[in-house]
């Protein structure tokens, strides 16, 4: 017999013996065990508490294998293949970053800007939104999912990424989480933000017969979560076995390489009064805001996350 209580106790004991996990709080390790149990049992966490003497022997082998993988540092989200973000269950794999709660600030601020701009549109007008580092698609899809519920539909969103594997994950999430009608307003494309104008030009050519896309495509909002971790810190972070793609983390020696690219390149594809939002690290937010100002953005603001850390830069072109 192998009960829920046995599984939780066994998992936490093994986690505490792991060289990588043993410094984490016991509460965090218990949560990891519970999330794995929820995954294999398809039950909410409250059910675990109410059924701690239930025999779960049929899942013992799979659960113990997952616990062993977690002991190597592999995140629970990569083991279960799913991570909640903005109240939605996103599929994830080591091909994409695991969506972080901090990034919900980017979605929140994007929605506020879109609502304000949409209210001023004429019936025949559309808003154009760009997510240039889409990864799992969590930012673009969360925005569109929310706007669909609010019946704001006069917009087109382009989600781009340099990684074909990441784009496959984003397309899967769009199919799982968006209605067929909303999916028609999301275009997931391969593109390099370092050559953003060329990427957009190729996209325009592929939609030359579309009545929705005008030429040239200028965006009302660019919502970016670019690689912004300094290279040395990226290598240090990846030592814990998290297995996240360095491509999506490494922002160069000071973490600002892609912020510089964004502020310099997006000016050519933003509408008048278009807004650029970029997530940044708290350790270089002030330097990032100066890059916005140097590139000609006005009304540059730094927004803080729930932990009161500088997390998001906003500028108007």
Protein backbone atom coordinates (compact mmCIF):
# COMPACT_ATOMS: atom_id res chain seq x y z
CA UNK A 1 0.00 0.00 0.00
CA UNK A 2 1.23 3.47 -0.92
CA UNK A 3 -0.92 6.31 0.38
CA UNK A 4 -1.07 10.02 -0.38
CA UNK A 5 0.65 10.67 2.96
CA UNK A 6 3.37 8.16 2.07
CA UNK A 7 3.94 9.82 -1.29
CA UNK A 8 4.20 13.32 0.17
CA UNK A 9 6.56 12.21 2.94
CA UNK A 10 8.75 10.15 0.61
CA UNK A 11 9.04 12.97 -1.93
CA UNK A 12 9.93 15.65 0.60
CA UNK A 13 12.52 13.37 2.24
CA UNK A 14 14.19 12.77 -1.14
CA UNK A 15 14.05 16.46 -2.03
CA UNK A 16 15.79 17.32 1.23
CA UNK A 17 18.58 14.90 0.35
CA UNK A 18 19.10 16.51 -3.05
CA UNK A 19 22.20 18.69 -3.25
CA UNK A 20 20.27 21.13 -5.44
CA UNK A 21 16.99 21.28 -3.50
CA UNK A 22 18.00 20.83 0.15
CA UNK A 23 18.42 24.56 0.80
CA UNK A 24 14.83 25.31 -0.22
CA UNK A 25 12.15 25.79 2.47
CA UNK A 26 10.28 22.64 3.42
CA UNK A 27 7.02 24.37 2.47
CA UNK A 28 8.31 24.84 -1.09
CA UNK A 29 9.38 21.20 -1.34
CA UNK A 30 6.01 20.05 -0.03
CA UNK A 31 4.30 22.17 -2.67
CA UNK A 32 6.44 20.53 -5.36
CA UNK A 33 5.39 17.10 -4.11
CA UNK A 34 1.74 18.12 -4.09
CA UNK A 35 1.85 19.55 -7.62
CA UNK A 36 3.31 16.29 -8.88
CA UNK A 37 0.62 14.31 -7.07
CA UNK A 38 -2.07 16.59 -8.46
CA UNK A 39 -0.71 15.96 -11.93
CA UNK A 40 -0.68 12.18 -11.71
CA UNK A 41 -3.97 11.90 -9.81
CA UNK A 42 -5.76 14.70 -11.70
CA UNK A 43 -7.05 16.01 -8.38
CA UNK A 44 -6.95 19.45 -6.70
CA UNK A 45 -4.61 20.03 -3.78
CA UNK A 46 -7.52 20.14 -1.33
CA UNK A 47 -8.33 16.56 -2.28
CA UNK A 48 -4.85 15.47 -1.18
CA UNK A 49 -5.38 16.95 2.27
CA UNK A 50 -8.74 15.23 2.65
CA UNK A 51 -7.56 11.82 1.39
CA UNK A 52 -4.11 11.36 2.88
CA UNK A 53 -4.84 7.68 3.67
CA UNK A 54 -6.03 6.83 0.14
CA UNK A 55 -4.05 4.11 -1.61
CA UNK A 56 -2.43 5.45 -4.78
CA UNK A 57 -0.23 2.46 -5.58
CA UNK A 58 -1.12 2.53 -9.32
CA UNK A 59 0.76 5.83 -9.79
CA UNK A 60 3.65 5.01 -7.46
CA UNK A 61 6.18 4.19 -10.18
CA UNK A 62 5.43 7.26 -12.30
CA UNK A 63 5.35 9.54 -9.27
CA UNK A 64 8.67 8.28 -7.90
CA UNK A 65 10.28 8.71 -11.33
CA UNK A 66 9.05 12.30 -11.41
CA UNK A 67 10.43 12.90 -7.91
CA UNK A 68 13.83 11.63 -9.05
CA UNK A 69 13.76 14.03 -12.00
CA UNK A 70 12.87 16.92 -9.69
CA UNK A 71 15.86 16.00 -7.49
CA UNK A 72 18.14 16.82 -10.44
CA UNK A 73 16.81 20.38 -10.40
CA UNK A 74 14.41 19.96 -13.33
CA UNK A 75 11.46 22.30 -12.67
CA UNK A 76 8.11 20.76 -11.81
CA UNK A 77 6.53 22.56 -14.79
CA UNK A 78 8.82 20.72 -17.22
CA UNK A 79 7.96 17.41 -15.55
CA UNK A 80 4.20 17.97 -15.73
CA UNK A 81 4.39 19.86 -19.03
CA UNK A 82 2.16 22.63 -17.73
CA UNK A 83 2.37 25.97 -15.94
CA UNK A 84 -0.45 28.28 -14.91
CA UNK A 85 -0.09 31.88 -16.07
CA UNK A 86 -2.77 34.57 -16.01
CA UNK A 87 -5.18 31.86 -14.86
CA UNK A 88 -4.53 29.74 -17.95
CA UNK A 89 -2.77 26.34 -18.18
CA UNK A 90 0.12 26.81 -20.62
CA UNK A 91 1.96 23.85 -22.08
CA UNK A 92 5.72 24.18 -21.54
CA UNK A 93 8.86 22.22 -22.36
CA UNK A 94 12.60 22.95 -22.07
CA UNK A 95 12.26 24.66 -25.47
CA UNK A 96 10.64 27.66 -23.75
CA UNK A 97 11.01 29.63 -20.55
CA UNK A 98 8.56 28.73 -17.82
CA UNK A 99 6.13 31.69 -17.52
CA UNK A 100 6.87 33.66 -14.36
CA UNK A 101 4.37 35.58 -12.18
CA UNK A 102 6.42 38.77 -12.70
CA UNK A 103 5.53 38.70 -16.40
CA UNK A 104 1.83 39.09 -15.58
CA UNK A 105 2.68 42.78 -15.06
CA UNK A 106 3.50 42.98 -18.79
CA UNK A 107 0.09 41.49 -19.63
CA UNK A 108 -1.69 43.77 -17.16
CA UNK A 109 -0.13 46.95 -18.50
CA UNK A 110 -0.63 45.83 -22.12
CA UNK A 111 -4.34 45.31 -21.50
CA UNK A 112 -4.70 48.76 -19.94
CA UNK A 113 -3.05 50.37 -22.99
CA UNK A 114 -5.10 48.33 -25.46
CA UNK A 115 -8.39 49.15 -23.74
CA UNK A 116 -7.59 52.86 -23.83
CA UNK A 117 -6.56 52.80 -27.49
CA UNK A 118 -9.46 50.55 -28.56
CA UNK A 119 -11.98 52.97 -27.03
CA UNK A 120 -10.73 55.71 -29.36
CA UNK A 121 -10.87 53.66 -32.58
CA UNK A 122 -13.34 54.17 -35.39
CA UNK A 123 -15.40 51.07 -36.28
CA UNK A 124 -13.27 50.26 -39.34
CA UNK A 125 -9.93 50.69 -37.53
CA UNK A 126 -7.79 47.99 -35.92
CA UNK A 127 -5.03 47.92 -33.36
CA UNK A 128 -1.78 46.16 -34.18
CA UNK A 129 0.17 44.44 -31.40
CA UNK A 130 3.58 42.77 -31.51
CA UNK A 131 5.03 40.22 -29.09
CA UNK A 132 8.59 39.93 -30.48
CA UNK A 133 9.93 37.25 -28.07
CA UNK A 134 6.85 35.10 -27.65
CA UNK A 135 8.34 31.81 -26.37
CA UNK A 136 5.37 29.79 -25.08
CA UNK A 137 3.02 32.51 -26.32
CA UNK A 138 1.92 33.30 -22.77
CA UNK A 139 1.90 37.09 -23.20
CA UNK A 140 0.08 37.32 -26.54
CA UNK A 141 -2.35 34.52 -25.75
CA UNK A 142 -3.20 35.90 -22.30
CA UNK A 143 -3.89 39.31 -23.82
CA UNK A 144 -6.12 37.92 -26.56
CA UNK A 145 -7.93 35.54 -24.21
CA UNK A 146 -8.82 38.44 -21.90
CA UNK A 147 -9.87 40.77 -24.71
CA UNK A 148 -12.07 38.07 -26.22
CA UNK A 149 -14.01 37.88 -22.94
CA UNK A 150 -14.37 41.69 -23.05
CA UNK A 151 -15.55 41.57 -26.69
CA UNK A 152 -12.62 43.70 -27.90
CA UNK A 153 -11.94 42.14 -31.29
CA UNK A 154 -10.72 44.93 -33.56
CA UNK A 155 -7.06 44.01 -33.33
CA UNK A 156 -4.33 41.90 -34.88
CA UNK A 157 -1.49 40.40 -32.85
CA UNK A 158 1.80 39.15 -34.25
CA UNK A 159 3.85 36.84 -32.02
CA UNK A 160 7.40 36.19 -33.21
CA UNK A 161 10.32 34.10 -32.00
CA UNK A 162 13.67 33.03 -33.39
CA UNK A 163 13.20 29.44 -32.17
CA UNK A 164 11.07 27.08 -34.32
CA UNK A 165 10.70 24.75 -31.33
CA UNK A 166 9.33 27.58 -29.19
CA UNK A 167 6.92 28.57 -31.97
CA UNK A 168 5.56 25.02 -32.03
CA UNK A 169 4.77 25.34 -28.30
CA UNK A 170 3.15 28.75 -28.86
CA UNK A 171 0.95 27.38 -31.66
CA UNK A 172 -0.12 24.47 -29.47
CA UNK A 173 -1.06 26.86 -26.66
CA UNK A 174 -3.03 29.06 -29.03
CA UNK A 175 -5.00 26.05 -30.25
CA UNK A 176 -5.67 24.89 -26.69
CA UNK A 177 -6.54 28.23 -25.10
CA UNK A 178 -8.07 30.48 -27.76
CA UNK A 179 -11.29 30.13 -29.69
CA UNK A 180 -11.04 29.47 -33.42
CA UNK A 181 -12.24 33.00 -34.12
CA UNK A 182 -9.64 34.61 -31.85
CA UNK A 183 -6.90 32.47 -33.38
CA UNK A 184 -7.52 34.24 -36.69
CA UNK A 185 -6.30 37.46 -35.06
CA UNK A 186 -3.04 35.88 -33.87
CA UNK A 187 -0.19 35.36 -36.33
CA UNK A 188 2.69 33.28 -34.95
CA UNK A 189 5.78 33.74 -37.09
CA UNK A 190 9.49 32.95 -37.06
CA UNK A 191 11.57 36.09 -36.78
CA UNK A 192 14.65 37.64 -35.24
CA UNK A 193 14.10 40.80 -33.22
CA UNK A 194 17.59 41.92 -34.24
CA UNK A 195 16.23 42.35 -37.78
CA UNK A 196 12.71 43.36 -36.82
CA UNK A 197 11.87 45.53 -39.88
CA UNK A 198 12.86 42.68 -42.23
CA UNK A 199 10.81 40.19 -40.19
CA UNK A 200 7.73 42.41 -40.44
CA UNK A 201 8.31 42.98 -44.16
CA UNK A 202 8.33 39.21 -44.78
CA UNK A 203 5.13 38.92 -42.79
CA UNK A 204 3.48 41.63 -44.87
CA UNK A 205 4.42 39.85 -48.07
CA UNK A 206 2.86 36.62 -46.82
CA UNK A 207 -0.43 38.44 -46.15
CA UNK A 208 -0.55 40.62 -49.23
CA UNK A 209 -4.13 39.59 -49.95
CA UNK A 210 -5.41 40.26 -46.42
CA UNK A 211 -7.90 43.09 -45.96
CA UNK A 212 -6.96 43.42 -42.28
CA UNK A 213 -3.23 44.10 -42.64
CA UNK A 214 -2.28 47.46 -44.10
CA UNK A 215 1.14 48.27 -45.56
CA UNK A 216 3.41 49.05 -43.94
CA UNK A 217 2.40 47.38 -40.67
CA UNK A 218 2.93 49.82 -37.83
CA UNK A 219 2.24 48.74 -34.31
CA UNK A 220 0.26 50.48 -31.61
CA UNK A 221 1.83 48.35 -28.90
CA UNK A 222 4.95 46.22 -28.65
CA UNK A 223 4.93 44.01 -25.55
CA UNK A 224 8.31 42.35 -25.11
CA UNK A 225 9.86 39.95 -22.64
CA UNK A 226 13.34 39.74 -24.18
CA UNK A 227 16.42 37.92 -22.86
CA UNK A 228 17.71 40.29 -20.16
CA UNK A 229 19.81 38.25 -17.74
CA UNK A 230 23.55 39.09 -17.81
CA UNK A 231 25.59 36.28 -19.38
CA UNK A 232 27.54 35.40 -16.22
CA UNK A 233 24.35 35.24 -14.17
CA UNK A 234 22.68 33.11 -16.84
CA UNK A 235 25.42 30.50 -16.58
CA UNK A 236 25.21 30.58 -12.78
CA UNK A 237 21.43 30.16 -12.79
CA UNK A 238 21.56 27.20 -15.16
CA UNK A 239 23.88 25.29 -12.81
CA UNK A 240 20.87 24.33 -10.69
CA UNK A 241 19.54 21.98 -13.36
CA UNK A 242 16.56 24.13 -14.32
CA UNK A 243 17.25 23.35 -17.99
CA UNK A 244 15.64 26.54 -19.31
CA UNK A 245 16.89 27.70 -22.75
CA UNK A 246 19.90 30.01 -22.42
CA UNK A 247 18.81 31.61 -25.70
CA UNK A 248 15.76 33.04 -23.93
CA UNK A 249 17.69 34.23 -20.86
CA UNK A 250 21.08 35.56 -21.94
CA UNK A 251 21.00 39.29 -22.59
CA UNK A 252 24.73 39.82 -23.04
CA UNK A 253 27.38 40.99 -20.61
CA UNK A 254 25.16 43.57 -18.91
CA UNK A 255 21.83 41.99 -19.79
CA UNK A 256 20.88 44.97 -21.96
CA UNK A 257 21.85 43.77 -25.45
CA UNK A 258 18.28 43.06 -26.51
CA UNK A 259 16.87 46.12 -24.74
CA UNK A 260 19.21 48.20 -26.91
CA UNK A 261 18.02 46.33 -30.00
CA UNK A 262 14.38 46.82 -29.02
CA UNK A 263 14.65 50.53 -28.38
CA UNK A 264 16.59 51.12 -31.60
CA UNK A 265 14.62 48.82 -33.93
CA UNK A 266 11.06 49.31 -32.76
CA UNK A 267 11.06 53.01 -33.62
CA UNK A 268 10.76 52.03 -37.29
CA UNK A 269 7.67 49.86 -36.75
CA UNK A 270 5.71 51.84 -34.14
CA UNK A 271 2.77 54.09 -34.94
CA UNK A 272 2.76 57.68 -33.74
CA UNK A 273 2.01 57.45 -30.01
CA UNK A 274 2.76 53.74 -30.16
CA UNK A 275 3.93 52.20 -26.90
CA UNK A 276 6.90 49.94 -26.21
CA UNK A 277 6.77 47.80 -23.06
CA UNK A 278 9.75 45.69 -22.05
CA UNK A 279 10.28 43.49 -19.05
CA UNK A 280 13.72 44.03 -17.48
CA UNK A 281 15.78 42.93 -14.50
CA UNK A 282 15.57 44.94 -11.30
CA UNK A 283 19.37 45.22 -11.39
CA UNK A 284 19.42 47.29 -14.59
CA UNK A 285 15.97 48.86 -14.86
CA UNK A 286 17.27 52.40 -14.50
CA UNK A 287 19.90 51.83 -17.20
CA UNK A 288 17.20 50.35 -19.43
CA UNK A 289 14.96 53.38 -18.96
CA UNK A 290 17.85 55.60 -20.08
CA UNK A 291 18.09 53.53 -23.29
CA UNK A 292 14.42 54.29 -23.94
CA UNK A 293 15.06 58.00 -23.50
CA UNK A 294 18.18 57.98 -25.68
CA UNK A 295 16.23 56.25 -28.48
CA UNK A 296 13.65 59.05 -28.48
CA UNK A 297 10.85 57.61 -26.38
CA UNK A 298 8.86 60.01 -24.24
CA UNK A 299 6.89 59.58 -21.03
CA UNK A 300 9.29 56.81 -20.01
CA UNK A 301 8.08 55.04 -16.88
CA UNK A 302 9.34 52.22 -14.68
CA UNK A 303 6.66 49.90 -13.28
CA UNK A 304 7.24 47.72 -10.24
CA UNK A 305 6.12 44.13 -9.72
CA UNK A 306 4.29 42.74 -6.69
CA UNK A 307 7.60 42.45 -4.84
CA UNK A 308 8.19 46.20 -5.40
CA UNK A 309 11.06 45.44 -7.80
CA UNK A 310 11.55 47.51 -10.96
CA UNK A 311 10.28 45.14 -13.63
CA UNK A 312 8.77 46.89 -16.65
CA UNK A 313 9.80 49.88 -18.76
CA UNK A 314 7.20 51.80 -20.75
CA UNK A 315 7.84 54.43 -23.39
CA UNK A 316 5.75 56.29 -25.98
CA UNK A 317 7.12 56.95 -29.44
